[in-house]
């Protein structure tokens, strides 16, 4: 069966996952633990590249599962009082929030390094 004719819905089971071909309720792809692997150091940097001059604080190296990382990103955004996103295991918080974020990360017991300027 090629990708163009793959089953996406079954009247018996409902929506079907396109990766593992299981019903969405029994999807094994979603249940796999996706942790970011690194050297155990959480890096915090500030970057404006590709954002029309608007800067974001980038946080990499946090070894948490995706659902836990989403929750942690939400907590950081709340503490900073700004928006942000989670992309491929990297947390982006709008604005220069390094001075607020670094102590929070250290309180969680991670070794934190400030990268960039």
PDB file of N, CA and C in Angstrom:
ATOM      1  N   UNK A   1       0.852  -1.171   0.000  1.00  0.00           N
ATOM      2  CA  UNK A   1       0.000   0.000   0.000  1.00  0.00           C
ATOM      3  C   UNK A   1       0.898   1.234   0.000  1.00  0.00           C
ATOM      4  N   UNK A   2       0.735   2.114  -0.972  1.00  0.00           N
ATOM      5  CA  UNK A   2       1.571   3.310  -1.016  1.00  0.00           C
ATOM      6  C   UNK A   2       0.950   4.418  -0.173  1.00  0.00           C
ATOM      7  N   UNK A   3       1.709   5.501  -0.010  1.00  0.00           N
ATOM      8  CA  UNK A   3       1.283   6.599   0.859  1.00  0.00           C
ATOM      9  C   UNK A   3       0.031   7.306   0.337  1.00  0.00           C
ATOM     10  N   UNK A   4      -0.180   7.331  -0.964  1.00  0.00           N
ATOM     11  CA  UNK A   4      -1.330   8.037  -1.520  1.00  0.00           C
ATOM     12  C   UNK A   4      -2.649   7.342  -1.198  1.00  0.00           C
ATOM     13  N   UNK A   5      -2.632   6.035  -0.996  1.00  0.00           N
ATOM     14  CA  UNK A   5      -3.860   5.299  -0.724  1.00  0.00           C
ATOM     15  C   UNK A   5      -3.899   4.748   0.694  1.00  0.00           C
ATOM     16  N   UNK A   6      -3.136   5.333   1.606  1.00  0.00           N
ATOM     17  CA  UNK A   6      -3.099   4.854   2.981  1.00  0.00           C
ATOM     18  C   UNK A   6      -4.415   5.156   3.692  1.00  0.00           C
ATOM     19  N   UNK A   7      -4.833   4.267   4.573  1.00  0.00           N
ATOM     20  CA  UNK A   7      -6.058   4.413   5.338  1.00  0.00           C
ATOM     21  C   UNK A   7      -5.890   5.513   6.382  1.00  0.00           C
ATOM     22  N   UNK A   8      -6.821   6.471   6.438  1.00  0.00           N
ATOM     23  CA  UNK A   8      -6.754   7.551   7.409  1.00  0.00           C
ATOM     24  C   UNK A   8      -7.937   7.545   8.369  1.00  0.00           C
ATOM     25  N   UNK A   9      -8.997   6.823   8.022  1.00  0.00           N
ATOM     26  CA  UNK A   9     -10.175   6.769   8.889  1.00  0.00           C
ATOM     27  C   UNK A   9     -10.854   5.414   8.719  1.00  0.00           C
ATOM     28  N   UNK A  10     -11.298   4.872   9.835  1.00  0.00           N
ATOM     29  CA  UNK A  10     -12.041   3.625   9.814  1.00  0.00           C
ATOM     30  C   UNK A  10     -13.321   3.843  10.607  1.00  0.00           C
ATOM     31  N   UNK A  11     -14.440   3.391  10.087  1.00  0.00           N
ATOM     32  CA  UNK A  11     -15.699   3.575  10.799  1.00  0.00           C
ATOM     33  C   UNK A  11     -15.725   2.765  12.090  1.00  0.00           C
ATOM     34  N   UNK A  12     -14.914   1.745  12.171  1.00  0.00           N
ATOM     35  CA  UNK A  12     -14.847   0.929  13.378  1.00  0.00           C
ATOM     36  C   UNK A  12     -13.968   1.560  14.455  1.00  0.00           C
ATOM     37  N   UNK A  13     -12.807   2.113  14.055  1.00  0.00           N
ATOM     38  CA  UNK A  13     -11.835   2.633  15.025  1.00  0.00           C
ATOM     39  C   UNK A  13     -11.703   4.146  15.036  1.00  0.00           C
ATOM     40  N   UNK A  14     -12.171   4.837  14.026  1.00  0.00           N
ATOM     41  CA  UNK A  14     -12.012   6.284  13.950  1.00  0.00           C
ATOM     42  C   UNK A  14     -10.748   6.640  13.186  1.00  0.00           C
ATOM     43  N   UNK A  15     -10.112   7.739  13.564  1.00  0.00           N
ATOM     44  CA  UNK A  15      -8.910   8.215  12.871  1.00  0.00           C
ATOM     45  C   UNK A  15      -7.753   7.238  13.056  1.00  0.00           C
ATOM     46  N   UNK A  16      -6.944   7.103  12.004  1.00  0.00           N
ATOM     47  CA  UNK A  16      -5.807   6.197  11.991  1.00  0.00           C
ATOM     48  C   UNK A  16      -4.525   7.022  11.905  1.00  0.00           C
ATOM     49  N   UNK A  17      -3.531   6.674  12.705  1.00  0.00           N
ATOM     50  CA  UNK A  17      -2.231   7.349  12.670  1.00  0.00           C
ATOM     51  C   UNK A  17      -1.528   7.000  11.365  1.00  0.00           C
ATOM     52  N   UNK A  18      -0.995   8.004  10.684  1.00  0.00           N
ATOM     53  CA  UNK A  18      -0.348   7.749   9.398  1.00  0.00           C
ATOM     54  C   UNK A  18       1.045   7.147   9.541  1.00  0.00           C
ATOM     55  N   UNK A  19       1.634   7.234  10.730  1.00  0.00           N
ATOM     56  CA  UNK A  19       2.980   6.684  10.927  1.00  0.00           C
ATOM     57  C   UNK A  19       2.945   5.214  11.328  1.00  0.00           C
ATOM     58  N   UNK A  20       2.193   4.892  12.372  1.00  0.00           N
ATOM     59  CA  UNK A  20       2.207   3.518  12.894  1.00  0.00           C
ATOM     60  C   UNK A  20       1.017   2.695  12.418  1.00  0.00           C
ATOM     61  N   UNK A  21       0.069   3.304  11.690  1.00  0.00           N
ATOM     62  CA  UNK A  21      -1.112   2.633  11.132  1.00  0.00           C
ATOM     63  C   UNK A  21      -2.028   2.028  12.200  1.00  0.00           C
ATOM     64  N   UNK A  22      -2.001   2.590  13.404  1.00  0.00           N
ATOM     65  CA  UNK A  22      -2.867   2.164  14.505  1.00  0.00           C
ATOM     66  C   UNK A  22      -3.942   3.226  14.709  1.00  0.00           C
ATOM     67  N   UNK A  23      -5.072   2.874  15.368  1.00  0.00           N
ATOM     68  CA  UNK A  23      -6.057   3.906  15.711  1.00  0.00           C
ATOM     69  C   UNK A  23      -5.409   4.978  16.587  1.00  0.00           C
ATOM     70  N   UNK A  24      -5.827   6.232  16.427  1.00  0.00           N
ATOM     71  CA  UNK A  24      -5.231   7.345  17.178  1.00  0.00           C
ATOM     72  C   UNK A  24      -5.252   7.104  18.688  1.00  0.00           C
ATOM     73  N   UNK A  25      -6.269   6.417  19.191  1.00  0.00           N
ATOM     74  CA  UNK A  25      -6.338   6.153  20.628  1.00  0.00           C
ATOM     75  C   UNK A  25      -5.287   5.158  21.075  1.00  0.00           C
ATOM     76  N   UNK A  26      -4.796   4.300  20.175  1.00  0.00           N
ATOM     77  CA  UNK A  26      -3.775   3.301  20.499  1.00  0.00           C
ATOM     78  C   UNK A  26      -2.451   3.601  19.811  1.00  0.00           C
ATOM     79  N   UNK A  27      -2.240   4.811  19.386  1.00  0.00           N
ATOM     80  CA  UNK A  27      -1.039   5.194  18.635  1.00  0.00           C
ATOM     81  C   UNK A  27       0.216   4.958  19.475  1.00  0.00           C
ATOM     82  N   UNK A  28       1.163   4.233  18.902  1.00  0.00           N
ATOM     83  CA  UNK A  28       2.413   3.967  19.619  1.00  0.00           C
ATOM     84  C   UNK A  28       3.454   5.049  19.332  1.00  0.00           C
ATOM     85  N   UNK A  29       3.279   5.809  18.268  1.00  0.00           N
ATOM     86  CA  UNK A  29       4.212   6.900  17.953  1.00  0.00           C
ATOM     87  C   UNK A  29       4.168   7.969  19.033  1.00  0.00           C
ATOM     88  N   UNK A  30       2.937   8.322  19.427  1.00  0.00           N
ATOM     89  CA  UNK A  30       2.738   9.396  20.398  1.00  0.00           C
ATOM     90  C   UNK A  30       3.255   8.999  21.775  1.00  0.00           C
ATOM     91  N   UNK A  31       3.201   7.711  22.082  1.00  0.00           N
ATOM     92  CA  UNK A  31       3.581   7.251  23.400  1.00  0.00           C
ATOM     93  C   UNK A  31       5.081   7.050  23.562  1.00  0.00           C
ATOM     94  N   UNK A  32       5.838   7.089  22.454  1.00  0.00           N
ATOM     95  CA  UNK A  32       7.285   6.937  22.554  1.00  0.00           C
ATOM     96  C   UNK A  32       7.855   8.140  23.266  1.00  0.00           C
ATOM     97  N   UNK A  33       8.834   7.892  24.088  1.00  0.00           N
ATOM     98  CA  UNK A  33       9.455   8.979  24.826  1.00  0.00           C
ATOM     99  C   UNK A  33      10.445   9.691  23.924  1.00  0.00           C
ATOM    100  N   UNK A  34      10.185  10.970  23.701  1.00  0.00           N
ATOM    101  CA  UNK A  34      11.069  11.790  22.887  1.00  0.00           C
ATOM    102  C   UNK A  34      11.829  12.720  23.812  1.00  0.00           C
ATOM    103  N   UNK A  35      13.035  12.344  24.162  1.00  0.00           N
ATOM    104  CA  UNK A  35      13.842  13.196  25.006  1.00  0.00           C
ATOM    105  C   UNK A  35      14.949  13.792  24.172  1.00  0.00           C
ATOM    106  N   UNK A  36      15.301  15.005  24.508  1.00  0.00           N
ATOM    107  CA  UNK A  36      16.422  15.614  23.830  1.00  0.00           C
ATOM    108  C   UNK A  36      17.689  15.123  24.497  1.00  0.00           C
ATOM    109  N   UNK A  37      18.627  14.720  23.675  1.00  0.00           N
ATOM    110  CA  UNK A  37      19.869  14.200  24.215  1.00  0.00           C
ATOM    111  C   UNK A  37      20.932  15.269  24.089  1.00  0.00           C
ATOM    112  N   UNK A  38      21.751  15.387  25.089  1.00  0.00           N
ATOM    113  CA  UNK A  38      22.806  16.381  25.056  1.00  0.00           C
ATOM    114  C   UNK A  38      23.881  16.029  26.055  1.00  0.00           C
ATOM    115  N   UNK A  39      24.632  17.025  26.415  1.00  0.00           N
ATOM    116  CA  UNK A  39      25.741  16.812  27.335  1.00  0.00           C
ATOM    117  C   UNK A  39      25.384  17.150  28.783  1.00  0.00           C
ATOM    118  N   UNK A  40      24.102  17.370  29.052  1.00  0.00           N
ATOM    119  CA  UNK A  40      23.670  17.657  30.415  1.00  0.00           C
ATOM    120  C   UNK A  40      23.730  19.127  30.780  1.00  0.00           C
ATOM    121  N   UNK A  41      24.049  19.973  29.815  1.00  0.00           N
ATOM    122  CA  UNK A  41      24.133  21.410  30.054  1.00  0.00           C
ATOM    123  C   UNK A  41      22.995  22.096  29.325  1.00  0.00           C
ATOM    124  N   UNK A  42      22.262  22.940  30.034  1.00  0.00           N
ATOM    125  CA  UNK A  42      21.182  23.717  29.431  1.00  0.00           C
ATOM    126  C   UNK A  42      21.787  25.041  28.983  1.00  0.00           C
ATOM    127  N   UNK A  43      21.621  25.345  27.704  1.00  0.00           N
ATOM    128  CA  UNK A  43      22.205  26.561  27.148  1.00  0.00           C
ATOM    129  C   UNK A  43      21.105  27.585  26.878  1.00  0.00           C
ATOM    130  N   UNK A  44      21.369  28.823  27.296  1.00  0.00           N
ATOM    131  CA  UNK A  44      20.424  29.921  27.122  1.00  0.00           C
ATOM    132  C   UNK A  44      21.104  30.981  26.264  1.00  0.00           C
ATOM    133  N   UNK A  45      20.480  31.334  25.147  1.00  0.00           N
ATOM    134  CA  UNK A  45      21.067  32.340  24.264  1.00  0.00           C
ATOM    135  C   UNK A  45      19.988  33.302  23.775  1.00  0.00           C
ATOM    136  N   UNK A  46      20.439  34.387  23.164  1.00  0.00           N
ATOM    137  CA  UNK A  46      19.539  35.387  22.619  1.00  0.00           C
ATOM    138  C   UNK A  46      19.864  35.537  21.143  1.00  0.00           C
ATOM    139  N   UNK A  47      18.828  35.558  20.323  1.00  0.00           N
ATOM    140  CA  UNK A  47      19.068  35.603  18.888  1.00  0.00           C
ATOM    141  C   UNK A  47      17.992  36.418  18.187  1.00  0.00           C
ATOM    142  N   UNK A  48      18.411  37.151  17.152  1.00  0.00           N
ATOM    143  CA  UNK A  48      17.476  37.965  16.366  1.00  0.00           C
ATOM    144  C   UNK A  48      17.455  37.532  14.915  1.00  0.00           C
ATOM    145  N   UNK A  49      18.301  36.625  14.561  1.00  0.00           N
ATOM    146  CA  UNK A  49      18.451  36.206  13.162  1.00  0.00           C
ATOM    147  C   UNK A  49      17.152  35.628  12.595  1.00  0.00           C
ATOM    148  N   UNK A  50      16.725  36.136  11.440  1.00  0.00           N
ATOM    149  CA  UNK A  50      15.548  35.623  10.759  1.00  0.00           C
ATOM    150  C   UNK A  50      14.229  36.029  11.378  1.00  0.00           C
ATOM    151  N   UNK A  51      14.253  37.039  12.247  1.00  0.00           N
ATOM    152  CA  UNK A  51      13.022  37.448  12.928  1.00  0.00           C
ATOM    153  C   UNK A  51      12.747  38.939  12.753  1.00  0.00           C
ATOM    154  N   UNK A  52      13.264  39.512  11.688  1.00  0.00           N
ATOM    155  CA  UNK A  52      13.085  40.936  11.385  1.00  0.00           C
ATOM    156  C   UNK A  52      13.494  41.839  12.541  1.00  0.00           C
ATOM    157  N   UNK A  53      14.579  41.523  13.223  1.00  0.00           N
ATOM    158  CA  UNK A  53      15.098  42.350  14.296  1.00  0.00           C
ATOM    159  C   UNK A  53      14.492  42.086  15.650  1.00  0.00           C
ATOM    160  N   UNK A  54      13.467  41.280  15.721  1.00  0.00           N
ATOM    161  CA  UNK A  54      12.838  40.972  17.002  1.00  0.00           C
ATOM    162  C   UNK A  54      13.577  39.788  17.625  1.00  0.00           C
ATOM    163  N   UNK A  55      14.006  39.954  18.851  1.00  0.00           N
ATOM    164  CA  UNK A  55      14.813  38.932  19.494  1.00  0.00           C
ATOM    165  C   UNK A  55      14.009  37.930  20.301  1.00  0.00           C
ATOM    166  N   UNK A  56      14.555  36.724  20.408  1.00  0.00           N
ATOM    167  CA  UNK A  56      13.973  35.687  21.244  1.00  0.00           C
ATOM    168  C   UNK A  56      15.080  35.043  22.073  1.00  0.00           C
ATOM    169  N   UNK A  57      14.698  34.557  23.237  1.00  0.00           N
ATOM    170  CA  UNK A  57      15.602  33.802  24.089  1.00  0.00           C
ATOM    171  C   UNK A  57      15.443  32.336  23.730  1.00  0.00           C
ATOM    172  N   UNK A  58      16.565  31.680  23.422  1.00  0.00           N
ATOM    173  CA  UNK A  58      16.572  30.277  23.004  1.00  0.00           C
ATOM    174  C   UNK A  58      17.103  29.418  24.149  1.00  0.00           C
ATOM    175  N   UNK A  59      16.369  28.365  24.505  1.00  0.00           N
ATOM    176  CA  UNK A  59      16.773  27.451  25.578  1.00  0.00           C
ATOM    177  C   UNK A  59      16.898  26.058  24.979  1.00  0.00           C
ATOM    178  N   UNK A  60      18.092  25.472  25.040  1.00  0.00           N
ATOM    179  CA  UNK A  60      18.339  24.144  24.484  1.00  0.00           C
ATOM    180  C   UNK A  60      18.960  23.249  25.543  1.00  0.00           C
ATOM    181  N   UNK A  61      18.809  21.950  25.356  1.00  0.00           N
ATOM    182  CA  UNK A  61      19.485  20.977  26.208  1.00  0.00           C
ATOM    183  C   UNK A  61      18.695  20.501  27.407  1.00  0.00           C
ATOM    184  N   UNK A  62      17.418  20.821  27.499  1.00  0.00           N
ATOM    185  CA  UNK A  62      16.603  20.353  28.614  1.00  0.00           C
ATOM    186  C   UNK A  62      16.170  18.926  28.313  1.00  0.00           C
ATOM    187  N   UNK A  63      16.568  17.997  29.160  1.00  0.00           N
ATOM    188  CA  UNK A  63      16.285  16.572  28.938  1.00  0.00           C
ATOM    189  C   UNK A  63      14.957  16.187  29.584  1.00  0.00           C
ATOM    190  N   UNK A  64      13.864  16.538  28.913  1.00  0.00           N
ATOM    191  CA  UNK A  64      12.521  16.171  29.359  1.00  0.00           C
ATOM    192  C   UNK A  64      11.765  15.566  28.185  1.00  0.00           C
ATOM    193  N   UNK A  65      10.741  14.784  28.498  1.00  0.00           N
ATOM    194  CA  UNK A  65       9.864  14.264  27.453  1.00  0.00           C
ATOM    195  C   UNK A  65       9.078  15.422  26.857  1.00  0.00           C
ATOM    196  N   UNK A  66       8.540  15.221  25.673  1.00  0.00           N
ATOM    197  CA  UNK A  66       7.834  16.287  24.965  1.00  0.00           C
ATOM    198  C   UNK A  66       6.659  16.859  25.769  1.00  0.00           C
ATOM    199  N   UNK A  67       5.782  16.037  26.366  1.00  0.00           N
ATOM    200  CA  UNK A  67       4.682  16.641  27.145  1.00  0.00           C
ATOM    201  C   UNK A  67       5.190  17.448  28.343  1.00  0.00           C
ATOM    202  N   UNK A  68       6.228  16.941  29.019  1.00  0.00           N
ATOM    203  CA  UNK A  68       6.787  17.663  30.163  1.00  0.00           C
ATOM    204  C   UNK A  68       7.469  18.947  29.709  1.00  0.00           C
ATOM    205  N   UNK A  69       8.121  18.893  28.550  1.00  0.00           N
ATOM    206  CA  UNK A  69       8.792  20.069  28.011  1.00  0.00           C
ATOM    207  C   UNK A  69       7.781  21.146  27.630  1.00  0.00           C
ATOM    208  N   UNK A  70       6.628  20.738  27.081  1.00  0.00           N
ATOM    209  CA  UNK A  70       5.568  21.692  26.759  1.00  0.00           C
ATOM    210  C   UNK A  70       5.063  22.388  28.017  1.00  0.00           C
ATOM    211  N   UNK A  71       4.862  21.607  29.065  1.00  0.00           N
ATOM    212  CA  UNK A  71       4.395  22.168  30.326  1.00  0.00           C
ATOM    213  C   UNK A  71       5.427  23.121  30.922  1.00  0.00           C
ATOM    214  N   UNK A  72       6.702  22.725  30.862  1.00  0.00           N
ATOM    215  CA  UNK A  72       7.767  23.577  31.396  1.00  0.00           C
ATOM    216  C   UNK A  72       7.886  24.867  30.592  1.00  0.00           C
ATOM    217  N   UNK A  73       7.744  24.777  29.263  1.00  0.00           N
ATOM    218  CA  UNK A  73       7.791  25.974  28.417  1.00  0.00           C
ATOM    219  C   UNK A  73       6.652  26.927  28.776  1.00  0.00           C
ATOM    220  N   UNK A  74       5.481  26.368  29.041  1.00  0.00           N
ATOM    221  CA  UNK A  74       4.336  27.201  29.423  1.00  0.00           C
ATOM    222  C   UNK A  74       4.605  27.916  30.749  1.00  0.00           C
ATOM    223  N   UNK A  75       5.217  27.212  31.695  1.00  0.00           N
ATOM    224  CA  UNK A  75       5.552  27.827  32.980  1.00  0.00           C
ATOM    225  C   UNK A  75       6.564  28.961  32.799  1.00  0.00           C
ATOM    226  N   UNK A  76       7.563  28.743  31.938  1.00  0.00           N
ATOM    227  CA  UNK A  76       8.555  29.789  31.685  1.00  0.00           C
ATOM    228  C   UNK A  76       7.921  31.012  31.043  1.00  0.00           C
ATOM    229  N   UNK A  77       7.028  30.797  30.083  1.00  0.00           N
ATOM    230  CA  UNK A  77       6.362  31.911  29.427  1.00  0.00           C
ATOM    231  C   UNK A  77       5.533  32.707  30.430  1.00  0.00           C
ATOM    232  N   UNK A  78       4.887  32.002  31.356  1.00  0.00           N
ATOM    233  CA  UNK A  78       4.079  32.664  32.375  1.00  0.00           C
ATOM    234  C   UNK A  78       4.963  33.501  33.296  1.00  0.00           C
ATOM    235  N   UNK A  79       6.087  32.934  33.733  1.00  0.00           N
ATOM    236  CA  UNK A  79       6.990  33.670  34.634  1.00  0.00           C
ATOM    237  C   UNK A  79       7.581  34.896  33.958  1.00  0.00           C
ATOM    238  N   UNK A  80       7.857  34.791  32.651  1.00  0.00           N
ATOM    239  CA  UNK A  80       8.438  35.916  31.922  1.00  0.00           C
ATOM    240  C   UNK A  80       7.381  36.924  31.484  1.00  0.00           C
ATOM    241  N   UNK A  81       6.137  36.501  31.443  1.00  0.00           N
ATOM    242  CA  UNK A  81       5.068  37.389  31.010  1.00  0.00           C
ATOM    243  C   UNK A  81       5.130  37.683  29.527  1.00  0.00           C
ATOM    244  N   UNK A  82       5.577  36.708  28.759  1.00  0.00           N
ATOM    245  CA  UNK A  82       5.661  36.908  27.315  1.00  0.00           C
ATOM    246  C   UNK A  82       5.303  35.618  26.593  1.00  0.00           C
ATOM    247  N   UNK A  83       5.191  35.705  25.280  1.00  0.00           N
ATOM    248  CA  UNK A  83       4.849  34.549  24.476  1.00  0.00           C
ATOM    249  C   UNK A  83       6.074  33.739  24.121  1.00  0.00           C
ATOM    250  N   UNK A  84       5.841  32.660  23.430  1.00  0.00           N
ATOM    251  CA  UNK A  84       6.942  31.815  23.001  1.00  0.00           C
ATOM    252  C   UNK A  84       6.414  30.552  22.367  1.00  0.00           C
ATOM    253  N   UNK A  85       7.336  29.641  22.064  1.00  0.00           N
ATOM    254  CA  UNK A  85       6.959  28.401  21.401  1.00  0.00           C
ATOM    255  C   UNK A  85       7.963  27.308  21.727  1.00  0.00           C
ATOM    256  N   UNK A  86       7.591  26.095  21.358  1.00  0.00           N
ATOM    257  CA  UNK A  86       8.466  24.935  21.494  1.00  0.00           C
ATOM    258  C   UNK A  86       8.623  24.323  20.111  1.00  0.00           C
ATOM    259  N   UNK A  87       9.851  24.292  19.593  1.00  0.00           N
ATOM    260  CA  UNK A  87      10.117  23.745  18.265  1.00  0.00           C
ATOM    261  C   UNK A  87      11.256  22.742  18.359  1.00  0.00           C
ATOM    262  N   UNK A  88      10.974  21.483  18.057  1.00  0.00           N
ATOM    263  CA  UNK A  88      11.993  20.424  17.995  1.00  0.00           C
ATOM    264  C   UNK A  88      12.844  20.356  19.263  1.00  0.00           C
ATOM    265  N   UNK A  89      12.215  20.448  20.417  1.00  0.00           N
ATOM    266  CA  UNK A  89      12.941  20.339  21.677  1.00  0.00           C
ATOM    267  C   UNK A  89      13.646  21.609  22.108  1.00  0.00           C
ATOM    268  N   UNK A  90      13.437  22.701  21.395  1.00  0.00           N
ATOM    269  CA  UNK A  90      14.047  23.991  21.718  1.00  0.00           C
ATOM    270  C   UNK A  90      12.942  24.949  22.130  1.00  0.00           C
ATOM    271  N   UNK A  91      13.107  25.565  23.294  1.00  0.00           N
ATOM    272  CA  UNK A  91      12.120  26.532  23.783  1.00  0.00           C
ATOM    273  C   UNK A  91      12.540  27.918  23.318  1.00  0.00           C
ATOM    274  N   UNK A  92      11.611  28.658  22.726  1.00  0.00           N
ATOM    275  CA  UNK A  92      11.847  30.041  22.312  1.00  0.00           C
ATOM    276  C   UNK A  92      10.887  30.931  23.086  1.00  0.00           C
ATOM    277  N   UNK A  93      11.449  31.912  23.810  1.00  0.00           N
ATOM    278  CA  UNK A  93      10.655  32.873  24.573  1.00  0.00           C
ATOM    279  C   UNK A  93      10.891  34.250  23.961  1.00  0.00           C
ATOM    280  N   UNK A  94       9.826  34.985  23.705  1.00  0.00           N
ATOM    281  CA  UNK A  94       9.959  36.302  23.074  1.00  0.00           C
ATOM    282  C   UNK A  94      10.673  37.280  23.991  1.00  0.00           C
ATOM    283  N   UNK A  95      11.589  38.047  23.410  1.00  0.00           N
ATOM    284  CA  UNK A  95      12.315  39.075  24.141  1.00  0.00           C
ATOM    285  C   UNK A  95      13.577  38.526  24.800  1.00  0.00           C
ATOM    286  N   UNK A  96      14.334  39.419  25.416  1.00  0.00           N
ATOM    287  CA  UNK A  96      15.563  39.042  26.118  1.00  0.00           C
ATOM    288  C   UNK A  96      15.200  38.708  27.563  1.00  0.00           C
ATOM    289  N   UNK A  97      14.982  37.436  27.841  1.00  0.00           N
ATOM    290  CA  UNK A  97      14.516  36.973  29.152  1.00  0.00           C
ATOM    291  C   UNK A  97      15.599  36.171  29.882  1.00  0.00           C
ATOM    292  N   UNK A  98      16.860  36.291  29.469  1.00  0.00           N
ATOM    293  CA  UNK A  98      17.923  35.453  30.036  1.00  0.00           C
ATOM    294  C   UNK A  98      18.096  35.657  31.535  1.00  0.00           C
ATOM    295  N   UNK A  99      17.991  36.893  32.003  1.00  0.00           N
ATOM    296  CA  UNK A  99      18.191  37.156  33.437  1.00  0.00           C
ATOM    297  C   UNK A  99      17.074  36.556  34.285  1.00  0.00           C
ATOM    298  N   UNK A 100      15.898  36.400  33.734  1.00  0.00           N
ATOM    299  CA  UNK A 100      14.771  35.796  34.455  1.00  0.00           C
ATOM    300  C   UNK A 100      14.841  34.271  34.389  1.00  0.00           C
ATOM    301  N   UNK A 101      15.196  33.752  33.228  1.00  0.00           N
ATOM    302  CA  UNK A 101      15.144  32.313  32.989  1.00  0.00           C
ATOM    303  C   UNK A 101      16.280  31.543  33.653  1.00  0.00           C
ATOM    304  N   UNK A 102      17.492  32.096  33.653  1.00  0.00           N
ATOM    305  CA  UNK A 102      18.648  31.350  34.172  1.00  0.00           C
ATOM    306  C   UNK A 102      18.488  30.929  35.631  1.00  0.00           C
ATOM    307  N   UNK A 103      18.046  31.797  36.545  1.00  0.00           N
ATOM    308  CA  UNK A 103      17.848  31.332  37.931  1.00  0.00           C
ATOM    309  C   UNK A 103      16.764  30.257  38.061  1.00  0.00           C
ATOM    310  N   UNK A 104      15.727  30.341  37.243  1.00  0.00           N
ATOM    311  CA  UNK A 104      14.660  29.332  37.282  1.00  0.00           C
ATOM    312  C   UNK A 104      15.217  27.972  36.886  1.00  0.00           C
ATOM    313  N   UNK A 105      16.023  27.946  35.834  1.00  0.00           N
ATOM    314  CA  UNK A 105      16.627  26.689  35.380  1.00  0.00           C
ATOM    315  C   UNK A 105      17.586  26.128  36.431  1.00  0.00           C
ATOM    316  N   UNK A 106      18.330  26.994  37.098  1.00  0.00           N
ATOM    317  CA  UNK A 106      19.255  26.542  38.146  1.00  0.00           C
ATOM    318  C   UNK A 106      18.511  25.986  39.349  1.00  0.00           C
ATOM    319  N   UNK A 107      17.343  26.533  39.654  1.00  0.00           N
ATOM    320  CA  UNK A 107      16.535  26.014  40.756  1.00  0.00           C
ATOM    321  C   UNK A 107      16.041  24.604  40.476  1.00  0.00           C
ATOM    322  N   UNK A 108      15.896  24.252  39.193  1.00  0.00           N
ATOM    323  CA  UNK A 108      15.484  22.905  38.831  1.00  0.00           C
ATOM    324  C   UNK A 108      16.654  21.925  38.856  1.00  0.00           C
ATOM    325  N   UNK A 109      17.846  22.401  39.164  1.00  0.00           N
ATOM    326  CA  UNK A 109      18.999  21.530  39.322  1.00  0.00           C
ATOM    327  C   UNK A 109      19.807  21.307  38.057  1.00  0.00           C
ATOM    328  N   UNK A 110      19.555  22.074  37.016  1.00  0.00           N
ATOM    329  CA  UNK A 110      20.321  21.925  35.784  1.00  0.00           C
ATOM    330  C   UNK A 110      21.536  22.836  35.796  1.00  0.00           C
ATOM    331  N   UNK A 111      22.583  22.386  35.130  1.00  0.00           N
ATOM    332  CA  UNK A 111      23.758  23.236  34.929  1.00  0.00           C
ATOM    333  C   UNK A 111      23.431  24.144  33.744  1.00  0.00           C
ATOM    334  N   UNK A 112      23.524  25.450  33.945  1.00  0.00           N
ATOM    335  CA  UNK A 112      23.088  26.406  32.943  1.00  0.00           C
ATOM    336  C   UNK A 112      24.285  27.226  32.453  1.00  0.00           C
ATOM    337  N   UNK A 113      24.362  27.384  31.132  1.00  0.00           N
ATOM    338  CA  UNK A 113      25.398  28.223  30.528  1.00  0.00           C
ATOM    339  C   UNK A 113      24.739  29.266  29.644  1.00  0.00           C
ATOM    340  N   UNK A 114      25.291  30.470  29.705  1.00  0.00           N
ATOM    341  CA  UNK A 114      24.807  31.553  28.851  1.00  0.00           C
ATOM    342  C   UNK A 114      25.665  31.559  27.584  1.00  0.00           C
ATOM    343  N   UNK A 115      25.018  31.449  26.463  1.00  0.00           N
ATOM    344  CA  UNK A 115      25.728  31.378  25.188  1.00  0.00           C
ATOM    345  C   UNK A 115      25.474  32.655  24.384  1.00  0.00           C
ATOM    346  N   UNK A 116      26.376  32.959  23.495  1.00  0.00           N
ATOM    347  CA  UNK A 116      26.187  34.121  22.635  1.00  0.00           C
ATOM    348  C   UNK A 116      26.557  35.402  23.346  1.00  0.00           C
ATOM    349  N   UNK A 117      26.025  36.508  22.869  1.00  0.00           N
ATOM    350  CA  UNK A 117      26.387  37.840  23.338  1.00  0.00           C
ATOM    351  C   UNK A 117      25.845  38.237  24.631  1.00  0.00           C
TER     352      UNK A 117
END
